[in-house]
Amino acid sequence: MPQEWNDTIPIYKQLEMRIVSWILNGTYPEGEALPSVRKLSIEMQINHLTVAKAFQELVDNAIIEKRRGLGMFVAVGAVEKLGQMEKQKFFEQELPALVSRMQALGISSEELTKAIHQFGEKE
């Protein structure tokens, strides 16, 4: 299955983000094994060293853990930790960009709040 990759972000980072998404959406729950480096590299059609680098980033952040002879597993507590990391990322990166865009368009915080409530009612 060919994958779409963004040329502006390193592939290992994009793969890392996909693995995080899989963990957060429950595709790979805490304590469950992840696919092997070889399997992911074949499925994603990328170099095995790229997969290994993405895994290492997640190991360094205690999101996944190596089990000698068994492979990579989602660490216990990974979902909570990822939730905190993603929330921090939102407040540090995404929210400032949103506020800047709102200011450029002349959108007040009241208008945004109303739109958010309307959006939430649709779901």
PDB file of N, CA and C in Angstrom:
ATOM      1  N   MET A   1       0.835  -1.177   0.000  1.00  0.00           N
ATOM      2  CA  MET A   1       0.000   0.000   0.000  1.00  0.00           C
ATOM      3  C   MET A   1       0.884   1.246   0.000  1.00  0.00           C
ATOM      4  N   PRO A   2       0.919   1.976  -1.105  1.00  0.00           N
ATOM      5  CA  PRO A   2       1.739   3.183  -1.176  1.00  0.00           C
ATOM      6  C   PRO A   2       1.229   4.249  -0.206  1.00  0.00           C
ATOM      7  N   GLN A   3       2.155   4.950   0.418  1.00  0.00           N
ATOM      8  CA  GLN A   3       1.811   5.980   1.396  1.00  0.00           C
ATOM      9  C   GLN A   3       2.072   7.358   0.815  1.00  0.00           C
ATOM     10  N   GLU A   4       1.296   8.308   1.241  1.00  0.00           N
ATOM     11  CA  GLU A   4       1.522   9.695   0.869  1.00  0.00           C
ATOM     12  C   GLU A   4       2.416  10.312   1.928  1.00  0.00           C
ATOM     13  N   TRP A   5       3.512  10.901   1.510  1.00  0.00           N
ATOM     14  CA  TRP A   5       4.441  11.536   2.429  1.00  0.00           C
ATOM     15  C   TRP A   5       4.582  13.003   2.072  1.00  0.00           C
ATOM     16  N   ASN A   6       4.670  13.834   3.085  1.00  0.00           N
ATOM     17  CA  ASN A   6       4.848  15.273   2.924  1.00  0.00           C
ATOM     18  C   ASN A   6       6.345  15.549   2.755  1.00  0.00           C
ATOM     19  N   ASP A   7       6.711  16.251   1.698  1.00  0.00           N
ATOM     20  CA  ASP A   7       8.121  16.513   1.429  1.00  0.00           C
ATOM     21  C   ASP A   7       8.752  17.520   2.374  1.00  0.00           C
ATOM     22  N   THR A   8       7.952  18.228   3.160  1.00  0.00           N
ATOM     23  CA  THR A   8       8.507  19.267   4.033  1.00  0.00           C
ATOM     24  C   THR A   8       8.841  18.760   5.435  1.00  0.00           C
ATOM     25  N   ILE A   9       8.403  17.555   5.775  1.00  0.00           N
ATOM     26  CA  ILE A   9       8.650  16.979   7.104  1.00  0.00           C
ATOM     27  C   ILE A   9       9.386  15.656   6.900  1.00  0.00           C
ATOM     28  N   PRO A  10      10.451  15.396   7.675  1.00  0.00           N
ATOM     29  CA  PRO A  10      11.161  14.119   7.528  1.00  0.00           C
ATOM     30  C   PRO A  10      10.199  12.929   7.662  1.00  0.00           C
ATOM     31  N   ILE A  11      10.428  11.917   6.857  1.00  0.00           N
ATOM     32  CA  ILE A  11       9.532  10.750   6.846  1.00  0.00           C
ATOM     33  C   ILE A  11       9.484  10.079   8.208  1.00  0.00           C
ATOM     34  N   TYR A  12      10.613  10.004   8.919  1.00  0.00           N
ATOM     35  CA  TYR A  12      10.587   9.349  10.225  1.00  0.00           C
ATOM     36  C   TYR A  12       9.663  10.099  11.190  1.00  0.00           C
ATOM     37  N   LYS A  13       9.606  11.447  11.068  1.00  0.00           N
ATOM     38  CA  LYS A  13       8.717  12.243  11.921  1.00  0.00           C
ATOM     39  C   LYS A  13       7.259  11.977  11.551  1.00  0.00           C
ATOM     40  N   GLN A  14       6.990  11.878  10.247  1.00  0.00           N
ATOM     41  CA  GLN A  14       5.630  11.594   9.803  1.00  0.00           C
ATOM     42  C   GLN A  14       5.189  10.210  10.276  1.00  0.00           C
ATOM     43  N   LEU A  15       6.088   9.241  10.204  1.00  0.00           N
ATOM     44  CA  LEU A  15       5.775   7.900  10.693  1.00  0.00           C
ATOM     45  C   LEU A  15       5.556   7.930  12.203  1.00  0.00           C
ATOM     46  N   GLU A  16       6.392   8.665  12.899  1.00  0.00           N
ATOM     47  CA  GLU A  16       6.224   8.810  14.351  1.00  0.00           C
ATOM     48  C   GLU A  16       4.831   9.367  14.663  1.00  0.00           C
ATOM     49  N   MET A  17       4.393  10.382  13.913  1.00  0.00           N
ATOM     50  CA  MET A  17       3.066  10.962  14.127  1.00  0.00           C
ATOM     51  C   MET A  17       1.960   9.949  13.829  1.00  0.00           C
ATOM     52  N   ARG A  18       2.168   9.109  12.820  1.00  0.00           N
ATOM     53  CA  ARG A  18       1.167   8.075  12.512  1.00  0.00           C
ATOM     54  C   ARG A  18       1.081   7.046  13.634  1.00  0.00           C
ATOM     55  N   ILE A  19       2.220   6.645  14.158  1.00  0.00           N
ATOM     56  CA  ILE A  19       2.223   5.676  15.253  1.00  0.00           C
ATOM     57  C   ILE A  19       1.538   6.272  16.476  1.00  0.00           C
ATOM     58  N   VAL A  20       1.813   7.533  16.774  1.00  0.00           N
ATOM     59  CA  VAL A  20       1.148   8.226  17.881  1.00  0.00           C
ATOM     60  C   VAL A  20      -0.357   8.215  17.650  1.00  0.00           C
ATOM     61  N   SER A  21      -0.776   8.498  16.442  1.00  0.00           N
ATOM     62  CA  SER A  21      -2.203   8.491  16.113  1.00  0.00           C
ATOM     63  C   SER A  21      -2.798   7.099  16.314  1.00  0.00           C
ATOM     64  N   TRP A  22      -2.082   6.068  15.895  1.00  0.00           N
ATOM     65  CA  TRP A  22      -2.560   4.690  16.081  1.00  0.00           C
ATOM     66  C   TRP A  22      -2.723   4.359  17.560  1.00  0.00           C
ATOM     67  N   ILE A  23      -1.802   4.844  18.373  1.00  0.00           N
ATOM     68  CA  ILE A  23      -1.882   4.591  19.820  1.00  0.00           C
ATOM     69  C   ILE A  23      -3.073   5.346  20.421  1.00  0.00           C
ATOM     70  N   LEU A  24      -3.205   6.614  20.046  1.00  0.00           N
ATOM     71  CA  LEU A  24      -4.288   7.427  20.603  1.00  0.00           C
ATOM     72  C   LEU A  24      -5.677   6.950  20.172  1.00  0.00           C
ATOM     73  N   ASN A  25      -5.798   6.437  18.947  1.00  0.00           N
ATOM     74  CA  ASN A  25      -7.122   5.995  18.495  1.00  0.00           C
ATOM     75  C   ASN A  25      -7.415   4.538  18.855  1.00  0.00           C
ATOM     76  N   GLY A  26      -6.473   3.889  19.555  1.00  0.00           N
ATOM     77  CA  GLY A  26      -6.724   2.535  20.045  1.00  0.00           C
ATOM     78  C   GLY A  26      -6.355   1.420  19.094  1.00  0.00           C
ATOM     79  N   THR A  27      -5.782   1.732  17.949  1.00  0.00           N
ATOM     80  CA  THR A  27      -5.351   0.688  17.030  1.00  0.00           C
ATOM     81  C   THR A  27      -4.325  -0.210  17.716  1.00  0.00           C
ATOM     82  N   TYR A  28      -3.440   0.402  18.494  1.00  0.00           N
ATOM     83  CA  TYR A  28      -2.455  -0.332  19.291  1.00  0.00           C
ATOM     84  C   TYR A  28      -2.584   0.114  20.737  1.00  0.00           C
ATOM     85  N   PRO A  29      -3.343  -0.622  21.546  1.00  0.00           N
ATOM     86  CA  PRO A  29      -3.528  -0.247  22.951  1.00  0.00           C
ATOM     87  C   PRO A  29      -2.249  -0.450  23.770  1.00  0.00           C
ATOM     88  N   GLU A  30      -2.238   0.141  24.946  1.00  0.00           N
ATOM     89  CA  GLU A  30      -1.102  -0.006  25.858  1.00  0.00           C
ATOM     90  C   GLU A  30      -0.845  -1.486  26.123  1.00  0.00           C
ATOM     91  N   GLY A  31       0.442  -1.839  26.088  1.00  0.00           N
ATOM     92  CA  GLY A  31       0.845  -3.215  26.337  1.00  0.00           C
ATOM     93  C   GLY A  31       0.864  -4.086  25.105  1.00  0.00           C
ATOM     94  N   GLU A  32       0.323  -3.612  23.990  1.00  0.00           N
ATOM     95  CA  GLU A  32       0.263  -4.416  22.769  1.00  0.00           C
ATOM     96  C   GLU A  32       1.507  -4.204  21.917  1.00  0.00           C
ATOM     97  N   ALA A  33       1.883  -5.252  21.189  1.00  0.00           N
ATOM     98  CA  ALA A  33       3.046  -5.196  20.304  1.00  0.00           C
ATOM     99  C   ALA A  33       2.739  -4.363  19.066  1.00  0.00           C
ATOM    100  N   LEU A  34       3.747  -3.635  18.623  1.00  0.00           N
ATOM    101  CA  LEU A  34       3.675  -2.900  17.361  1.00  0.00           C
ATOM    102  C   LEU A  34       4.214  -3.799  16.254  1.00  0.00           C
ATOM    103  N   PRO A  35       3.895  -3.489  15.001  1.00  0.00           N
ATOM    104  CA  PRO A  35       4.493  -4.269  13.910  1.00  0.00           C
ATOM    105  C   PRO A  35       6.013  -4.131  13.951  1.00  0.00           C
ATOM    106  N   SER A  36       6.693  -5.122  13.420  1.00  0.00           N
ATOM    107  CA  SER A  36       8.154  -5.086  13.407  1.00  0.00           C
ATOM    108  C   SER A  36       8.661  -4.003  12.455  1.00  0.00           C
ATOM    109  N   VAL A  37       9.921  -3.637  12.636  1.00  0.00           N
ATOM    110  CA  VAL A  37      10.552  -2.660  11.749  1.00  0.00           C
ATOM    111  C   VAL A  37      10.442  -3.144  10.306  1.00  0.00           C
ATOM    112  N   ARG A  38      10.755  -4.397  10.091  1.00  0.00           N
ATOM    113  CA  ARG A  38      10.717  -4.960   8.737  1.00  0.00           C
ATOM    114  C   ARG A  38       9.311  -4.893   8.146  1.00  0.00           C
ATOM    115  N   LYS A  39       8.316  -5.289   8.923  1.00  0.00           N
ATOM    116  CA  LYS A  39       6.936  -5.282   8.421  1.00  0.00           C
ATOM    117  C   LYS A  39       6.482  -3.862   8.079  1.00  0.00           C
ATOM    118  N   LEU A  40       6.751  -2.915   8.978  1.00  0.00           N
ATOM    119  CA  LEU A  40       6.355  -1.528   8.703  1.00  0.00           C
ATOM    120  C   LEU A  40       7.088  -0.958   7.501  1.00  0.00           C
ATOM    121  N   SER A  41       8.369  -1.266   7.367  1.00  0.00           N
ATOM    122  CA  SER A  41       9.124  -0.727   6.238  1.00  0.00           C
ATOM    123  C   SER A  41       8.571  -1.261   4.918  1.00  0.00           C
ATOM    124  N   ILE A  42       8.156  -2.507   4.904  1.00  0.00           N
ATOM    125  CA  ILE A  42       7.561  -3.086   3.688  1.00  0.00           C
ATOM    126  C   ILE A  42       6.190  -2.470   3.432  1.00  0.00           C
ATOM    127  N   GLU A  43       5.333  -2.416   4.460  1.00  0.00           N
ATOM    128  CA  GLU A  43       3.985  -1.860   4.298  1.00  0.00           C
ATOM    129  C   GLU A  43       4.013  -0.390   3.875  1.00  0.00           C
ATOM    130  N   MET A  44       4.914   0.374   4.481  1.00  0.00           N
ATOM    131  CA  MET A  44       4.977   1.807   4.217  1.00  0.00           C
ATOM    132  C   MET A  44       5.875   2.146   3.030  1.00  0.00           C
ATOM    133  N   GLN A  45       6.582   1.142   2.541  1.00  0.00           N
ATOM    134  CA  GLN A  45       7.509   1.297   1.423  1.00  0.00           C
ATOM    135  C   GLN A  45       8.573   2.359   1.720  1.00  0.00           C
ATOM    136  N   ILE A  46       9.178   2.214   2.907  1.00  0.00           N
ATOM    137  CA  ILE A  46      10.257   3.107   3.311  1.00  0.00           C
ATOM    138  C   ILE A  46      11.414   2.277   3.858  1.00  0.00           C
ATOM    139  N   ASN A  47      12.562   2.894   3.961  1.00  0.00           N
ATOM    140  CA  ASN A  47      13.759   2.239   4.445  1.00  0.00           C
ATOM    141  C   ASN A  47      13.575   1.794   5.895  1.00  0.00           C
ATOM    142  N   HIS A  48      14.108   0.623   6.212  1.00  0.00           N
ATOM    143  CA  HIS A  48      13.982   0.102   7.582  1.00  0.00           C
ATOM    144  C   HIS A  48      14.682   0.995   8.606  1.00  0.00           C
ATOM    145  N   LEU A  49      15.718   1.708   8.193  1.00  0.00           N
ATOM    146  CA  LEU A  49      16.396   2.622   9.120  1.00  0.00           C
ATOM    147  C   LEU A  49      15.502   3.810   9.483  1.00  0.00           C
ATOM    148  N   THR A  50      14.638   4.208   8.558  1.00  0.00           N
ATOM    149  CA  THR A  50      13.678   5.283   8.827  1.00  0.00           C
ATOM    150  C   THR A  50      12.681   4.836   9.893  1.00  0.00           C
ATOM    151  N   VAL A  51      12.198   3.612   9.764  1.00  0.00           N
ATOM    152  CA  VAL A  51      11.267   3.053  10.750  1.00  0.00           C
ATOM    153  C   VAL A  51      11.964   2.945  12.110  1.00  0.00           C
ATOM    154  N   ALA A  52      13.199   2.449  12.096  1.00  0.00           N
ATOM    155  CA  ALA A  52      13.951   2.307  13.347  1.00  0.00           C
ATOM    156  C   ALA A  52      14.151   3.660  14.028  1.00  0.00           C
ATOM    157  N   LYS A  53      14.377   4.704  13.242  1.00  0.00           N
ATOM    158  CA  LYS A  53      14.568   6.043  13.821  1.00  0.00           C
ATOM    159  C   LYS A  53      13.270   6.545  14.457  1.00  0.00           C
ATOM    160  N   ALA A  54      12.140   6.315  13.793  1.00  0.00           N
ATOM    161  CA  ALA A  54      10.851   6.712  14.364  1.00  0.00           C
ATOM    162  C   ALA A  54      10.597   5.965  15.669  1.00  0.00           C
ATOM    163  N   PHE A  55      10.873   4.655  15.672  1.00  0.00           N
ATOM    164  CA  PHE A  55      10.713   3.869  16.892  1.00  0.00           C
ATOM    165  C   PHE A  55      11.610   4.401  18.005  1.00  0.00           C
ATOM    166  N   GLN A  56      12.859   4.722  17.670  1.00  0.00           N
ATOM    167  CA  GLN A  56      13.797   5.193  18.687  1.00  0.00           C
ATOM    168  C   GLN A  56      13.329   6.502  19.320  1.00  0.00           C
ATOM    169  N   GLU A  57      12.762   7.398  18.511  1.00  0.00           N
ATOM    170  CA  GLU A  57      12.214   8.654  19.040  1.00  0.00           C
ATOM    171  C   GLU A  57      11.123   8.356  20.071  1.00  0.00           C
ATOM    172  N   LEU A  58      10.273   7.384  19.758  1.00  0.00           N
ATOM    173  CA  LEU A  58       9.173   7.032  20.662  1.00  0.00           C
ATOM    174  C   LEU A  58       9.684   6.318  21.912  1.00  0.00           C
ATOM    175  N   VAL A  59      10.733   5.527  21.771  1.00  0.00           N
ATOM    176  CA  VAL A  59      11.362   4.886  22.937  1.00  0.00           C
ATOM    177  C   VAL A  59      11.964   5.959  23.838  1.00  0.00           C
ATOM    178  N   ASP A  60      12.656   6.924  23.220  1.00  0.00           N
ATOM    179  CA  ASP A  60      13.286   8.005  23.992  1.00  0.00           C
ATOM    180  C   ASP A  60      12.258   8.819  24.777  1.00  0.00           C
ATOM    181  N   ASN A  61      11.035   8.905  24.256  1.00  0.00           N
ATOM    182  CA  ASN A  61       9.968   9.646  24.933  1.00  0.00           C
ATOM    183  C   ASN A  61       9.093   8.751  25.814  1.00  0.00           C
ATOM    184  N   ALA A  62       9.505   7.495  25.991  1.00  0.00           N
ATOM    185  CA  ALA A  62       8.801   6.521  26.843  1.00  0.00           C
ATOM    186  C   ALA A  62       7.370   6.268  26.379  1.00  0.00           C
ATOM    187  N   ILE A  63       7.140   6.335  25.076  1.00  0.00           N
ATOM    188  CA  ILE A  63       5.821   6.041  24.513  1.00  0.00           C
ATOM    189  C   ILE A  63       5.744   4.561  24.159  1.00  0.00           C
ATOM    190  N   ILE A  64       6.835   4.040  23.642  1.00  0.00           N
ATOM    191  CA  ILE A  64       6.926   2.604  23.379  1.00  0.00           C
ATOM    192  C   ILE A  64       8.159   2.081  24.097  1.00  0.00           C
ATOM    193  N   GLU A  65       8.209   0.753  24.248  1.00  0.00           N
ATOM    194  CA  GLU A  65       9.349   0.151  24.923  1.00  0.00           C
ATOM    195  C   GLU A  65       9.832  -1.066  24.148  1.00  0.00           C
ATOM    196  N   LYS A  66      11.145  -1.265  24.204  1.00  0.00           N
ATOM    197  CA  LYS A  66      11.752  -2.439  23.584  1.00  0.00           C
ATOM    198  C   LYS A  66      11.685  -3.586  24.572  1.00  0.00           C
ATOM    199  N   ARG A  67      11.299  -4.737  24.072  1.00  0.00           N
ATOM    200  CA  ARG A  67      11.374  -5.954  24.889  1.00  0.00           C
ATOM    201  C   ARG A  67      12.298  -6.905  24.137  1.00  0.00           C
ATOM    202  N   ARG A  68      13.434  -7.110  24.722  1.00  0.00           N
ATOM    203  CA  ARG A  68      14.481  -7.891  24.071  1.00  0.00           C
ATOM    204  C   ARG A  68      13.943  -9.230  23.556  1.00  0.00           C
ATOM    205  N   GLY A  69      14.146  -9.451  22.273  1.00  0.00           N
ATOM    206  CA  GLY A  69      13.717 -10.698  21.644  1.00  0.00           C
ATOM    207  C   GLY A  69      12.247 -10.741  21.288  1.00  0.00           C
ATOM    208  N   LEU A  70      11.478  -9.739  21.705  1.00  0.00           N
ATOM    209  CA  LEU A  70      10.033  -9.744  21.445  1.00  0.00           C
ATOM    210  C   LEU A  70       9.591  -8.620  20.514  1.00  0.00           C
ATOM    211  N   GLY A  71      10.289  -7.493  20.542  1.00  0.00           N
ATOM    212  CA  GLY A  71       9.920  -6.377  19.678  1.00  0.00           C
ATOM    213  C   GLY A  71       9.563  -5.134  20.465  1.00  0.00           C
ATOM    214  N   MET A  72       8.784  -4.287  19.810  1.00  0.00           N
ATOM    215  CA  MET A  72       8.369  -3.012  20.391  1.00  0.00           C
ATOM    216  C   MET A  72       6.927  -3.116  20.885  1.00  0.00           C
ATOM    217  N   PHE A  73       6.676  -2.539  22.044  1.00  0.00           N
ATOM    218  CA  PHE A  73       5.353  -2.572  22.657  1.00  0.00           C
ATOM    219  C   PHE A  73       4.963  -1.169  23.090  1.00  0.00           C
ATOM    220  N   VAL A  74       3.658  -0.897  23.064  1.00  0.00           N
ATOM    221  CA  VAL A  74       3.157   0.378  23.567  1.00  0.00           C
ATOM    222  C   VAL A  74       3.313   0.374  25.081  1.00  0.00           C
ATOM    223  N   ALA A  75       3.961   1.390  25.600  1.00  0.00           N
ATOM    224  CA  ALA A  75       4.232   1.474  27.034  1.00  0.00           C
ATOM    225  C   ALA A  75       2.939   1.740  27.813  1.00  0.00           C
ATOM    226  N   VAL A  76       2.886   1.192  29.015  1.00  0.00           N
ATOM    227  CA  VAL A  76       1.774   1.488  29.909  1.00  0.00           C
ATOM    228  C   VAL A  76       1.867   2.970  30.279  1.00  0.00           C
ATOM    229  N   GLY A  77       0.764   3.674  30.182  1.00  0.00           N
ATOM    230  CA  GLY A  77       0.742   5.107  30.460  1.00  0.00           C
ATOM    231  C   GLY A  77       0.990   5.966  29.233  1.00  0.00           C
ATOM    232  N   ALA A  78       1.189   5.329  28.077  1.00  0.00           N
ATOM    233  CA  ALA A  78       1.497   6.071  26.848  1.00  0.00           C
ATOM    234  C   ALA A  78       0.361   6.992  26.426  1.00  0.00           C
ATOM    235  N   VAL A  79      -0.874   6.539  26.552  1.00  0.00           N
ATOM    236  CA  VAL A  79      -2.012   7.347  26.107  1.00  0.00           C
ATOM    237  C   VAL A  79      -2.105   8.630  26.925  1.00  0.00           C
ATOM    238  N   GLU A  80      -1.961   8.505  28.229  1.00  0.00           N
ATOM    239  CA  GLU A  80      -2.016   9.695  29.090  1.00  0.00           C
ATOM    240  C   GLU A  80      -0.862  10.645  28.773  1.00  0.00           C
ATOM    241  N   LYS A  81       0.334  10.091  28.624  1.00  0.00           N
ATOM    242  CA  LYS A  81       1.500  10.914  28.316  1.00  0.00           C
ATOM    243  C   LYS A  81       1.340  11.602  26.962  1.00  0.00           C
ATOM    244  N   LEU A  82       0.867  10.862  25.967  1.00  0.00           N
ATOM    245  CA  LEU A  82       0.647  11.451  24.639  1.00  0.00           C
ATOM    246  C   LEU A  82      -0.409  12.538  24.691  1.00  0.00           C
ATOM    247  N   GLY A  83      -1.454  12.309  25.471  1.00  0.00           N
ATOM    248  CA  GLY A  83      -2.496  13.324  25.628  1.00  0.00           C
ATOM    249  C   GLY A  83      -1.925  14.621  26.176  1.00  0.00           C
ATOM    250  N   GLN A  84      -1.073  14.501  27.187  1.00  0.00           N
ATOM    251  CA  GLN A  84      -0.433  15.683  27.771  1.00  0.00           C
ATOM    252  C   GLN A  84       0.500  16.356  26.768  1.00  0.00           C
ATOM    253  N   MET A  85       1.262  15.555  26.023  1.00  0.00           N
ATOM    254  CA  MET A  85       2.192  16.107  25.041  1.00  0.00           C
ATOM    255  C   MET A  85       1.437  16.822  23.912  1.00  0.00           C
ATOM    256  N   GLU A  86       0.353  16.213  23.450  1.00  0.00           N
ATOM    257  CA  GLU A  86      -0.434  16.806  22.369  1.00  0.00           C
ATOM    258  C   GLU A  86      -1.127  18.086  22.832  1.00  0.00           C
ATOM    259  N   LYS A  87      -1.596  18.087  24.077  1.00  0.00           N
ATOM    260  CA  LYS A  87      -2.222  19.291  24.625  1.00  0.00           C
ATOM    261  C   LYS A  87      -1.203  20.428  24.713  1.00  0.00           C
ATOM    262  N   GLN A  88      -0.010  20.107  25.188  1.00  0.00           N
ATOM    263  CA  GLN A  88       1.045  21.116  25.273  1.00  0.00           C
ATOM    264  C   GLN A  88       1.403  21.635  23.875  1.00  0.00           C
ATOM    265  N   LYS A  89       1.506  20.732  22.927  1.00  0.00           N
ATOM    266  CA  LYS A  89       1.798  21.115  21.537  1.00  0.00           C
ATOM    267  C   LYS A  89       0.713  22.042  20.997  1.00  0.00           C
ATOM    268  N   PHE A  90      -0.542  21.749  21.310  1.00  0.00           N
ATOM    269  CA  PHE A  90      -1.650  22.598  20.862  1.00  0.00           C
ATOM    270  C   PHE A  90      -1.504  24.006  21.420  1.00  0.00           C
ATOM    271  N   PHE A  91      -1.264  24.103  22.726  1.00  0.00           N
ATOM    272  CA  PHE A  91      -1.174  25.420  23.362  1.00  0.00           C
ATOM    273  C   PHE A  91       0.069  26.201  22.936  1.00  0.00           C
ATOM    274  N   GLU A  92       1.162  25.497  22.639  1.00  0.00           N
ATOM    275  CA  GLU A  92       2.401  26.184  22.276  1.00  0.00           C
ATOM    276  C   GLU A  92       2.516  26.499  20.786  1.00  0.00           C
ATOM    277  N   GLN A  93       1.902  25.658  19.925  1.00  0.00           N
ATOM    278  CA  GLN A  93       2.091  25.822  18.490  1.00  0.00           C
ATOM    279  C   GLN A  93       0.808  26.166  17.744  1.00  0.00           C
ATOM    280  N   GLU A  94      -0.221  25.386  17.954  1.00  0.00           N
ATOM    281  CA  GLU A  94      -1.430  25.541  17.152  1.00  0.00           C
ATOM    282  C   GLU A  94      -2.286  26.717  17.598  1.00  0.00           C
ATOM    283  N   LEU A  95      -2.429  26.904  18.902  1.00  0.00           N
ATOM    284  CA  LEU A  95      -3.246  28.010  19.399  1.00  0.00           C
ATOM    285  C   LEU A  95      -2.684  29.375  18.999  1.00  0.00           C
ATOM    286  N   PRO A  96      -1.378  29.611  19.147  1.00  0.00           N
ATOM    287  CA  PRO A  96      -0.853  30.907  18.696  1.00  0.00           C
ATOM    288  C   PRO A  96      -1.114  31.158  17.198  1.00  0.00           C
ATOM    289  N   ALA A  97      -1.015  30.125  16.390  1.00  0.00           N
ATOM    290  CA  ALA A  97      -1.295  30.278  14.953  1.00  0.00           C
ATOM    291  C   ALA A  97      -2.770  30.603  14.734  1.00  0.00           C
ATOM    292  N   LEU A  98      -3.656  29.963  15.502  1.00  0.00           N
ATOM    293  CA  LEU A  98      -5.089  30.237  15.405  1.00  0.00           C
ATOM    294  C   LEU A  98      -5.396  31.678  15.812  1.00  0.00           C
ATOM    295  N   VAL A  99      -4.816  32.114  16.913  1.00  0.00           N
ATOM    296  CA  VAL A  99      -5.047  33.484  17.393  1.00  0.00           C
ATOM    297  C   VAL A  99      -4.541  34.493  16.371  1.00  0.00           C
ATOM    298  N   SER A 100      -3.388  34.229  15.814  1.00  0.00           N
ATOM    299  CA  SER A 100      -2.834  35.114  14.790  1.00  0.00           C
ATOM    300  C   SER A 100      -3.761  35.196  13.580  1.00  0.00           C
ATOM    301  N   ARG A 101      -4.277  34.063  13.153  1.00  0.00           N
ATOM    302  CA  ARG A 101      -5.208  34.017  12.006  1.00  0.00           C
ATOM    303  C   ARG A 101      -6.506  34.744  12.345  1.00  0.00           C
ATOM    304  N   MET A 102      -6.995  34.563  13.569  1.00  0.00           N
ATOM    305  CA  MET A 102      -8.215  35.261  14.000  1.00  0.00           C
ATOM    306  C   MET A 102      -8.013  36.771  13.939  1.00  0.00           C
ATOM    307  N   GLN A 103      -6.880  37.231  14.437  1.00  0.00           N
ATOM    308  CA  GLN A 103      -6.588  38.664  14.432  1.00  0.00           C
ATOM    309  C   GLN A 103      -6.517  39.191  13.004  1.00  0.00           C
ATOM    310  N   ALA A 104      -5.899  38.428  12.129  1.00  0.00           N
ATOM    311  CA  ALA A 104      -5.778  38.853  10.731  1.00  0.00           C
ATOM    312  C   ALA A 104      -7.151  38.948  10.053  1.00  0.00           C
ATOM    313  N   LEU A 105      -8.076  38.088  10.466  1.00  0.00           N
ATOM    314  CA  LEU A 105      -9.412  38.073   9.870  1.00  0.00           C
ATOM    315  C   LEU A 105     -10.424  38.912  10.648  1.00  0.00           C
ATOM    316  N   GLY A 106     -10.011  39.446  11.793  1.00  0.00           N
ATOM    317  CA  GLY A 106     -10.910  40.254  12.602  1.00  0.00           C
ATOM    318  C   GLY A 106     -11.975  39.438  13.316  1.00  0.00           C
ATOM    319  N   ILE A 107     -11.642  38.210  13.673  1.00  0.00           N
ATOM    320  CA  ILE A 107     -12.582  37.335  14.382  1.00  0.00           C
ATOM    321  C   ILE A 107     -12.376  37.520  15.880  1.00  0.00           C
ATOM    322  N   SER A 108     -13.439  37.828  16.594  1.00  0.00           N
ATOM    323  CA  SER A 108     -13.343  38.009  18.048  1.00  0.00           C
ATOM    324  C   SER A 108     -13.392  36.647  18.742  1.00  0.00           C
ATOM    325  N   SER A 109     -12.945  36.633  19.992  1.00  0.00           N
ATOM    326  CA  SER A 109     -12.986  35.388  20.758  1.00  0.00           C
ATOM    327  C   SER A 109     -14.430  34.945  20.997  1.00  0.00           C
ATOM    328  N   GLU A 110     -15.352  35.925  21.099  1.00  0.00           N
ATOM    329  CA  GLU A 110     -16.774  35.587  21.259  1.00  0.00           C
ATOM    330  C   GLU A 110     -17.305  34.879  20.013  1.00  0.00           C
ATOM    331  N   GLU A 111     -16.916  35.365  18.832  1.00  0.00           N
ATOM    332  CA  GLU A 111     -17.350  34.723  17.589  1.00  0.00           C
ATOM    333  C   GLU A 111     -16.809  33.303  17.498  1.00  0.00           C
ATOM    334  N   LEU A 112     -15.564  33.142  17.890  1.00  0.00           N
ATOM    335  CA  LEU A 112     -14.957  31.818  17.854  1.00  0.00           C
ATOM    336  C   LEU A 112     -15.655  30.878  18.834  1.00  0.00           C
ATOM    337  N   THR A 113     -15.906  31.361  20.038  1.00  0.00           N
ATOM    338  CA  THR A 113     -16.582  30.545  21.044  1.00  0.00           C
ATOM    339  C   THR A 113     -17.951  30.100  20.552  1.00  0.00           C
ATOM    340  N   LYS A 114     -18.696  31.024  19.945  1.00  0.00           N
ATOM    341  CA  LYS A 114     -20.021  30.694  19.407  1.00  0.00           C
ATOM    342  C   LYS A 114     -19.900  29.642  18.307  1.00  0.00           C
ATOM    343  N   ALA A 115     -18.930  29.801  17.416  1.00  0.00           N
ATOM    344  CA  ALA A 115     -18.729  28.851  16.324  1.00  0.00           C
ATOM    345  C   ALA A 115     -18.347  27.469  16.862  1.00  0.00           C
ATOM    346  N   ILE A 116     -17.514  27.442  17.904  1.00  0.00           N
ATOM    347  CA  ILE A 116     -17.113  26.167  18.506  1.00  0.00           C
ATOM    348  C   ILE A 116     -18.328  25.461  19.100  1.00  0.00           C
ATOM    349  N   HIS A 117     -19.182  26.204  19.780  1.00  0.00           N
ATOM    350  CA  HIS A 117     -20.388  25.597  20.362  1.00  0.00           C
ATOM    351  C   HIS A 117     -21.321  25.078  19.270  1.00  0.00           C
ATOM    352  N   GLN A 118     -21.467  25.821  18.201  1.00  0.00           N
ATOM    353  CA  GLN A 118     -22.318  25.380  17.085  1.00  0.00           C
ATOM    354  C   GLN A 118     -21.735  24.127  16.437  1.00  0.00           C
ATOM    355  N   PHE A 119     -20.444  24.109  16.272  1.00  0.00           N
ATOM    356  CA  PHE A 119     -19.767  22.953  15.692  1.00  0.00           C
ATOM    357  C   PHE A 119     -19.968  21.728  16.576  1.00  0.00           C
ATOM    358  N   GLY A 120     -19.855  21.907  17.886  1.00  0.00           N
ATOM    359  CA  GLY A 120     -20.029  20.807  18.822  1.00  0.00           C
ATOM    360  C   GLY A 120     -21.433  20.248  18.830  1.00  0.00           C
ATOM    361  N   GLU A 121     -22.439  21.104  18.559  1.00  0.00           N
ATOM    362  CA  GLU A 121     -23.833  20.652  18.522  1.00  0.00           C
ATOM    363  C   GLU A 121     -24.112  19.789  17.307  1.00  0.00           C
ATOM    364  N   LYS A 122     -23.351  19.984  16.229  1.00  0.00           N
ATOM    365  CA  LYS A 122     -23.556  19.205  15.002  1.00  0.00           C
ATOM    366  C   LYS A 122     -23.113  17.771  15.159  1.00  0.00           C
ATOM    367  N   GLU A 123     -22.162  17.531  16.056  1.00  0.00           N
ATOM    368  CA  GLU A 123     -21.621  16.183  16.199  1.00  0.00           C
ATOM    369  C   GLU A 123     -22.368  15.363  17.195  1.00  0.00           C
TER     370      GLU A 123
END
